[in-house]
Amino acid sequence: MPLLLIGFLFIVLCLGLVVFYVKKTGQTVKLEKRGLNIALFVLSLLIFVISLKLFWNMGVYADEHGSSPVLVSGGWFWLSMDWLRQGLLFVLCVVLGLSLVKRSKGEREA
């Protein structure tokens, strides 16, 4: 299963890089400026996928052992915090992804 997850992440990363390259074809790309954004996006995407997998595993464990995610999490508050974490990581991935495809003012003039 971990190999499947790593393979899926590799495919998503490759597709993201291809889309990034196609959008920027014909223009100079300043990787020095975008390098940090790319690294942050990849790290946030990786953290988001790992967090989703752990959240899924918690649900599977609760289902198989006749429990509930509330009991496994430690209460309603911590289950709500798990959901909040998923939402915030998703928003982080979206914001960083949009910052990659957005053109800066200097690139539009060039």
Protein backbone atom coordinates (compact mmCIF):
# COMPACT_ATOMS: atom_id res chain seq x y z
CA MET A 1 0.00 0.00 0.00
CA PRO A 2 2.77 2.55 0.73
CA LEU A 3 4.23 1.93 -2.72
CA LEU A 4 0.85 2.70 -4.24
CA LEU A 5 0.68 5.96 -2.30
CA ILE A 6 4.23 6.92 -3.32
CA GLY A 7 3.42 6.07 -6.93
CA PHE A 8 0.27 8.17 -6.81
CA LEU A 9 2.20 11.12 -5.37
CA PHE A 10 4.86 10.77 -8.07
CA ILE A 11 2.21 10.77 -10.81
CA VAL A 12 0.47 13.83 -9.33
CA LEU A 13 3.80 15.65 -9.04
CA CYS A 14 4.75 14.81 -12.64
CA LEU A 15 1.37 15.92 -13.95
CA GLY A 16 1.63 19.15 -11.97
CA LEU A 17 5.06 19.85 -13.42
CA VAL A 18 3.82 19.13 -16.94
CA VAL A 19 0.88 21.51 -16.51
CA PHE A 20 3.23 24.13 -15.08
CA TYR A 21 5.60 23.73 -18.07
CA VAL A 22 2.80 23.86 -20.65
CA LYS A 23 1.35 27.04 -19.15
CA LYS A 24 4.73 28.70 -19.16
CA THR A 25 5.94 27.60 -22.60
CA GLY A 26 7.38 30.46 -24.56
CA GLN A 27 8.21 32.54 -21.51
CA THR A 28 11.23 32.58 -19.29
CA VAL A 29 10.58 30.96 -15.96
CA LYS A 30 12.56 32.26 -13.04
CA LEU A 31 13.06 29.11 -11.01
CA GLU A 32 15.03 31.11 -8.46
CA LYS A 33 11.86 33.02 -7.63
CA ARG A 34 9.49 30.07 -8.00
CA GLY A 35 11.69 27.46 -6.37
CA LEU A 36 10.45 28.19 -2.87
CA ASN A 37 6.81 28.19 -4.03
CA ILE A 38 7.27 24.85 -5.77
CA ALA A 39 8.93 23.32 -2.70
CA LEU A 40 6.19 24.62 -0.40
CA PHE A 41 3.45 23.33 -2.71
CA VAL A 42 5.00 19.87 -2.96
CA LEU A 43 5.50 19.68 0.81
CA SER A 44 1.97 20.86 1.56
CA LEU A 45 0.53 18.38 -0.94
CA LEU A 46 2.55 15.57 0.63
CA ILE A 47 1.41 16.55 4.13
CA PHE A 48 -2.21 16.76 2.94
CA VAL A 49 -2.10 13.27 1.40
CA ILE A 50 -0.46 11.77 4.50
CA SER A 51 -3.03 13.43 6.73
CA LEU A 52 -5.89 12.15 4.57
CA LYS A 53 -4.48 8.62 4.71
CA LEU A 54 -4.18 8.73 8.51
CA PHE A 55 -7.72 10.10 8.79
CA TRP A 56 -8.98 7.31 6.50
CA ASN A 57 -7.14 4.68 8.56
CA MET A 58 -8.77 6.01 11.73
CA GLY A 59 -12.20 5.56 10.14
CA VAL A 60 -11.36 2.04 8.98
CA TYR A 61 -10.10 1.12 12.46
CA ALA A 62 -13.23 2.52 14.09
CA ASP A 63 -15.45 0.63 11.65
CA GLU A 64 -13.65 -2.71 12.01
CA HIS A 65 -13.59 -2.62 15.81
CA GLY A 66 -17.16 -1.46 16.31
CA SER A 67 -16.12 1.90 17.64
CA SER A 68 -16.64 5.43 16.39
CA PRO A 69 -14.26 8.12 15.16
CA VAL A 70 -15.32 10.23 18.15
CA LEU A 71 -13.98 7.63 20.58
CA VAL A 72 -10.82 7.02 18.55
CA SER A 73 -10.10 10.77 18.33
CA GLY A 74 -10.71 11.35 22.00
CA GLY A 75 -13.95 13.29 21.80
CA TRP A 76 -15.97 15.60 19.61
CA PHE A 77 -13.52 18.45 20.04
CA TRP A 78 -10.56 16.47 18.71
CA LEU A 79 -12.59 15.01 15.87
CA SER A 80 -13.55 18.58 14.93
CA MET A 81 -9.87 19.53 15.08
CA ASP A 82 -9.07 16.64 12.71
CA TRP A 83 -11.64 17.97 10.24
CA LEU A 84 -10.31 21.50 10.67
CA ARG A 85 -6.77 20.26 9.95
CA GLN A 86 -7.96 18.59 6.75
CA GLY A 87 -9.71 21.75 5.65
CA LEU A 88 -6.77 24.02 6.41
CA LEU A 89 -4.34 21.74 4.59
CA PHE A 90 -6.66 21.70 1.58
CA VAL A 91 -6.86 25.51 1.58
CA LEU A 92 -3.06 25.72 1.90
CA CYS A 93 -2.60 23.43 -1.12
CA VAL A 94 -5.08 25.46 -3.19
CA VAL A 95 -3.48 28.80 -2.28
CA LEU A 96 0.04 27.57 -3.00
CA GLY A 97 -1.11 25.93 -6.25
CA LEU A 98 -2.73 29.16 -7.40
CA SER A 99 0.40 31.11 -6.52
CA LEU A 100 2.37 28.84 -8.87
CA VAL A 101 0.19 29.44 -11.91
CA LYS A 102 -0.36 33.16 -11.25
CA ARG A 103 1.92 35.38 -13.30
CA SER A 104 3.82 38.10 -11.55
CA LYS A 105 3.83 41.67 -12.91
CA GLY A 106 7.36 41.31 -14.31
CA GLU A 107 6.49 38.15 -16.28
CA ARG A 108 3.46 39.79 -17.95
CA GLU A 109 5.57 42.63 -19.34
CA ALA A 110 8.33 40.35 -20.64
